[in-house]
C-alpha cells in the first residue's frame, strides 16, 4: 500500500458524506491548514462559488 502525503494547498475531494456540515462525497477543496498527523482544515466550494471552511 502506498502512503500518500497531503500537503498545504493540495486539492482534495471528500470520500464520504458529512451531511451535518452540508458536505458531500465528491466535493473538491484545498488544504488550508495542517493541524496534526492526518488532521487538516479543508476549504471547499460549491459550483455556485460559495466557500465553506
PDB file of N, CA and C in Angstrom:
ATOM      1  N   UNK A   1       0.836  -1.186   0.000  1.00  0.00           N
ATOM      2  CA  UNK A   1       0.000   0.000   0.000  1.00  0.00           C
ATOM      3  C   UNK A   1       0.877   1.243   0.000  1.00  0.00           C
ATOM      4  N   UNK A   2       0.555   2.188  -0.854  1.00  0.00           N
ATOM      5  CA  UNK A   2       1.319   3.425  -0.962  1.00  0.00           C
ATOM      6  C   UNK A   2       0.816   4.437   0.046  1.00  0.00           C
ATOM      7  N   UNK A   3       1.745   5.059   0.745  1.00  0.00           N
ATOM      8  CA  UNK A   3       1.380   6.095   1.709  1.00  0.00           C
ATOM      9  C   UNK A   3       1.331   7.430   0.975  1.00  0.00           C
ATOM     10  N   UNK A   4       0.175   8.106   1.045  1.00  0.00           N
ATOM     11  CA  UNK A   4       0.069   9.410   0.400  1.00  0.00           C
ATOM     12  C   UNK A   4       0.354  10.499   1.427  1.00  0.00           C
ATOM     13  N   UNK A   5       0.999  11.533   0.977  1.00  0.00           N
ATOM     14  CA  UNK A   5       1.313  12.666   1.842  1.00  0.00           C
ATOM     15  C   UNK A   5       0.530  13.870   1.328  1.00  0.00           C
ATOM     16  N   UNK A   6      -0.344  14.387   2.171  1.00  0.00           N
ATOM     17  CA  UNK A   6      -1.135  15.561   1.815  1.00  0.00           C
ATOM     18  C   UNK A   6      -0.387  16.795   2.299  1.00  0.00           C
ATOM     19  N   UNK A   7      -0.243  17.766   1.395  1.00  0.00           N
ATOM     20  CA  UNK A   7       0.496  18.979   1.709  1.00  0.00           C
ATOM     21  C   UNK A   7      -0.422  20.195   1.663  1.00  0.00           C
ATOM     22  N   UNK A   8       0.036  21.276   2.235  1.00  0.00           N
ATOM     23  CA  UNK A   8      -0.680  22.544   2.214  1.00  0.00           C
ATOM     24  C   UNK A   8      -0.978  22.944   0.767  1.00  0.00           C
ATOM     25  N   UNK A   9      -2.198  23.372   0.513  1.00  0.00           N
ATOM     26  CA  UNK A   9      -2.714  23.821  -0.780  1.00  0.00           C
ATOM     27  C   UNK A   9      -2.951  22.699  -1.787  1.00  0.00           C
ATOM     28  N   UNK A  10      -2.819  21.432  -1.362  1.00  0.00           N
ATOM     29  CA  UNK A  10      -3.196  20.327  -2.241  1.00  0.00           C
ATOM     30  C   UNK A  10      -4.699  20.369  -2.481  1.00  0.00           C
ATOM     31  N   UNK A  11      -5.115  19.944  -3.657  1.00  0.00           N
ATOM     32  CA  UNK A  11      -6.533  19.840  -3.992  1.00  0.00           C
ATOM     33  C   UNK A  11      -6.982  18.428  -3.618  1.00  0.00           C
ATOM     34  N   UNK A  12      -8.076  18.347  -2.873  1.00  0.00           N
ATOM     35  CA  UNK A  12      -8.583  17.061  -2.397  1.00  0.00           C
ATOM     36  C   UNK A  12     -10.084  16.978  -2.652  1.00  0.00           C
ATOM     37  N   UNK A  13     -10.621  15.753  -2.615  1.00  0.00           N
ATOM     38  CA  UNK A  13     -12.060  15.542  -2.756  1.00  0.00           C
ATOM     39  C   UNK A  13     -12.539  14.722  -1.567  1.00  0.00           C
ATOM     40  N   UNK A  14     -13.744  15.024  -1.084  1.00  0.00           N
ATOM     41  CA  UNK A  14     -14.306  14.284   0.047  1.00  0.00           C
ATOM     42  C   UNK A  14     -14.649  12.864  -0.376  1.00  0.00           C
ATOM     43  N   UNK A  15     -14.308  11.906   0.474  1.00  0.00           N
ATOM     44  CA  UNK A  15     -14.576  10.492   0.190  1.00  0.00           C
ATOM     45  C   UNK A  15     -15.891  10.040   0.810  1.00  0.00           C
ATOM     46  N   UNK A  16     -16.394  10.775   1.785  1.00  0.00           N
ATOM     47  CA  UNK A  16     -17.621  10.407   2.499  1.00  0.00           C
ATOM     48  C   UNK A  16     -18.550  11.607   2.609  1.00  0.00           C
ATOM     49  N   UNK A  17     -19.827  11.326   2.793  1.00  0.00           N
ATOM     50  CA  UNK A  17     -20.802  12.376   3.056  1.00  0.00           C
ATOM     51  C   UNK A  17     -20.696  12.829   4.506  1.00  0.00           C
ATOM     52  N   UNK A  18     -20.801  14.124   4.725  1.00  0.00           N
ATOM     53  CA  UNK A  18     -20.871  14.723   6.066  1.00  0.00           C
ATOM     54  C   UNK A  18     -22.068  15.665   6.080  1.00  0.00           C
ATOM     55  N   UNK A  19     -23.291  15.108   6.030  1.00  0.00           N
ATOM     56  CA  UNK A  19     -24.487  15.950   5.882  1.00  0.00           C
ATOM     57  C   UNK A  19     -24.684  16.932   7.031  1.00  0.00           C
ATOM     58  N   UNK A  20     -24.178  16.623   8.217  1.00  0.00           N
ATOM     59  CA  UNK A  20     -24.320  17.556   9.344  1.00  0.00           C
ATOM     60  C   UNK A  20     -23.546  18.848   9.113  1.00  0.00           C
ATOM     61  N   UNK A  21     -22.598  18.825   8.161  1.00  0.00           N
ATOM     62  CA  UNK A  21     -21.831  20.015   7.794  1.00  0.00           C
ATOM     63  C   UNK A  21     -22.156  20.480   6.369  1.00  0.00           C
ATOM     64  N   UNK A  22     -23.202  19.894   5.759  1.00  0.00           N
ATOM     65  CA  UNK A  22     -23.571  20.200   4.370  1.00  0.00           C
ATOM     66  C   UNK A  22     -22.421  19.944   3.397  1.00  0.00           C
ATOM     67  N   UNK A  23     -21.659  18.884   3.666  1.00  0.00           N
ATOM     68  CA  UNK A  23     -20.559  18.475   2.798  1.00  0.00           C
ATOM     69  C   UNK A  23     -20.857  17.081   2.269  1.00  0.00           C
ATOM     70  N   UNK A  24     -20.593  16.881   0.983  1.00  0.00           N
ATOM     71  CA  UNK A  24     -20.976  15.624   0.349  1.00  0.00           C
ATOM     72  C   UNK A  24     -19.838  15.043  -0.471  1.00  0.00           C
ATOM     73  N   UNK A  25     -19.841  13.726  -0.554  1.00  0.00           N
ATOM     74  CA  UNK A  25     -18.821  12.978  -1.278  1.00  0.00           C
ATOM     75  C   UNK A  25     -18.617  13.573  -2.673  1.00  0.00           C
ATOM     76  N   UNK A  26     -17.349  13.773  -3.015  1.00  0.00           N
ATOM     77  CA  UNK A  26     -17.017  14.315  -4.320  1.00  0.00           C
ATOM     78  C   UNK A  26     -16.760  15.806  -4.337  1.00  0.00           C
ATOM     79  N   UNK A  27     -17.185  16.520  -3.271  1.00  0.00           N
ATOM     80  CA  UNK A  27     -16.883  17.958  -3.229  1.00  0.00           C
ATOM     81  C   UNK A  27     -15.375  18.148  -3.196  1.00  0.00           C
ATOM     82  N   UNK A  28     -14.924  19.161  -3.893  1.00  0.00           N
ATOM     83  CA  UNK A  28     -13.498  19.428  -4.029  1.00  0.00           C
ATOM     84  C   UNK A  28     -13.128  20.633  -3.185  1.00  0.00           C
ATOM     85  N   UNK A  29     -11.921  20.596  -2.632  1.00  0.00           N
ATOM     86  CA  UNK A  29     -11.441  21.715  -1.843  1.00  0.00           C
ATOM     87  C   UNK A  29      -9.927  21.739  -1.794  1.00  0.00           C
ATOM     88  N   UNK A  30      -9.393  22.696  -1.077  1.00  0.00           N
ATOM     89  CA  UNK A  30      -7.951  22.841  -0.932  1.00  0.00           C
ATOM     90  C   UNK A  30      -7.584  22.744   0.545  1.00  0.00           C
ATOM     91  N   UNK A  31      -6.453  22.134   0.828  1.00  0.00           N
ATOM     92  CA  UNK A  31      -5.942  22.045   2.194  1.00  0.00           C
ATOM     93  C   UNK A  31      -5.423  23.430   2.567  1.00  0.00           C
ATOM     94  N   UNK A  32      -6.000  24.032   3.606  1.00  0.00           N
ATOM     95  CA  UNK A  32      -5.583  25.381   4.001  1.00  0.00           C
ATOM     96  C   UNK A  32      -4.862  25.406   5.343  1.00  0.00           C
ATOM     97  N   UNK A  33      -4.868  24.284   6.062  1.00  0.00           N
ATOM     98  CA  UNK A  33      -4.171  24.224   7.352  1.00  0.00           C
ATOM     99  C   UNK A  33      -3.820  22.782   7.664  1.00  0.00           C
ATOM    100  N   UNK A  34      -2.597  22.556   8.133  1.00  0.00           N
ATOM    101  CA  UNK A  34      -2.163  21.250   8.593  1.00  0.00           C
ATOM    102  C   UNK A  34      -2.114  21.306  10.117  1.00  0.00           C
ATOM    103  N   UNK A  35      -3.012  20.570  10.782  1.00  0.00           N
ATOM    104  CA  UNK A  35      -3.116  20.669  12.237  1.00  0.00           C
ATOM    105  C   UNK A  35      -2.271  19.625  12.960  1.00  0.00           C
ATOM    106  N   UNK A  36      -2.311  18.396  12.490  1.00  0.00           N
ATOM    107  CA  UNK A  36      -1.576  17.293  13.106  1.00  0.00           C
ATOM    108  C   UNK A  36      -1.524  16.171  12.080  1.00  0.00           C
ATOM    109  N   UNK A  37      -0.936  15.062  12.451  1.00  0.00           N
ATOM    110  CA  UNK A  37      -0.852  13.911  11.553  1.00  0.00           C
ATOM    111  C   UNK A  37      -2.249  13.496  11.128  1.00  0.00           C
ATOM    112  N   UNK A  38      -2.506  13.552   9.823  1.00  0.00           N
ATOM    113  CA  UNK A  38      -3.795  13.205   9.229  1.00  0.00           C
ATOM    114  C   UNK A  38      -4.969  14.039   9.755  1.00  0.00           C
ATOM    115  N   UNK A  39      -4.716  15.277  10.160  1.00  0.00           N
ATOM    116  CA  UNK A  39      -5.763  16.196  10.598  1.00  0.00           C
ATOM    117  C   UNK A  39      -5.556  17.524   9.875  1.00  0.00           C
ATOM    118  N   UNK A  40      -6.538  17.885   9.026  1.00  0.00           N
ATOM    119  CA  UNK A  40      -6.398  19.031   8.141  1.00  0.00           C
ATOM    120  C   UNK A  40      -7.642  19.913   8.203  1.00  0.00           C
ATOM    121  N   UNK A  41      -7.480  21.174   7.814  1.00  0.00           N
ATOM    122  CA  UNK A  41      -8.627  22.035   7.540  1.00  0.00           C
ATOM    123  C   UNK A  41      -8.683  22.184   6.031  1.00  0.00           C
ATOM    124  N   UNK A  42      -9.873  21.901   5.486  1.00  0.00           N
ATOM    125  CA  UNK A  42     -10.082  21.945   4.045  1.00  0.00           C
ATOM    126  C   UNK A  42     -11.081  23.054   3.738  1.00  0.00           C
ATOM    127  N   UNK A  43     -10.758  23.895   2.784  1.00  0.00           N
ATOM    128  CA  UNK A  43     -11.692  24.899   2.291  1.00  0.00           C
ATOM    129  C   UNK A  43     -12.339  24.332   1.044  1.00  0.00           C
ATOM    130  N   UNK A  44     -13.656  24.108   1.102  1.00  0.00           N
ATOM    131  CA  UNK A  44     -14.366  23.577  -0.055  1.00  0.00           C
ATOM    132  C   UNK A  44     -15.215  24.677  -0.661  1.00  0.00           C
ATOM    133  N   UNK A  45     -15.680  24.450  -1.870  1.00  0.00           N
ATOM    134  CA  UNK A  45     -16.515  25.432  -2.526  1.00  0.00           C
ATOM    135  C   UNK A  45     -17.533  24.717  -3.392  1.00  0.00           C
ATOM    136  N   UNK A  46     -18.634  25.372  -3.622  1.00  0.00           N
ATOM    137  CA  UNK A  46     -19.698  24.794  -4.448  1.00  0.00           C
ATOM    138  C   UNK A  46     -19.561  25.290  -5.883  1.00  0.00           C
ATOM    139  N   UNK A  47     -20.369  24.730  -6.755  1.00  0.00           N
ATOM    140  CA  UNK A  47     -20.354  25.166  -8.144  1.00  0.00           C
ATOM    141  C   UNK A  47     -20.887  26.593  -8.290  1.00  0.00           C
ATOM    142  N   UNK A  48     -21.532  27.100  -7.249  1.00  0.00           N
ATOM    143  CA  UNK A  48     -22.028  28.491  -7.271  1.00  0.00           C
ATOM    144  C   UNK A  48     -21.056  29.446  -6.605  1.00  0.00           C
ATOM    145  N   UNK A  49     -19.832  28.980  -6.360  1.00  0.00           N
ATOM    146  CA  UNK A  49     -18.750  29.777  -5.769  1.00  0.00           C
ATOM    147  C   UNK A  49     -18.992  30.124  -4.308  1.00  0.00           C
ATOM    148  N   UNK A  50     -19.839  29.357  -3.603  1.00  0.00           N
ATOM    149  CA  UNK A  50     -19.960  29.515  -2.159  1.00  0.00           C
ATOM    150  C   UNK A  50     -18.768  28.832  -1.501  1.00  0.00           C
ATOM    151  N   UNK A  51     -18.155  29.478  -0.542  1.00  0.00           N
ATOM    152  CA  UNK A  51     -16.975  28.926   0.130  1.00  0.00           C
ATOM    153  C   UNK A  51     -17.365  28.409   1.501  1.00  0.00           C
ATOM    154  N   UNK A  52     -16.917  27.205   1.832  1.00  0.00           N
ATOM    155  CA  UNK A  52     -17.181  26.582   3.131  1.00  0.00           C
ATOM    156  C   UNK A  52     -15.848  26.289   3.793  1.00  0.00           C
ATOM    157  N   UNK A  53     -15.659  26.725   5.023  1.00  0.00           N
ATOM    158  CA  UNK A  53     -14.424  26.417   5.764  1.00  0.00           C
ATOM    159  C   UNK A  53     -14.692  25.375   6.805  1.00  0.00           C
TER     160      UNK A  53
END
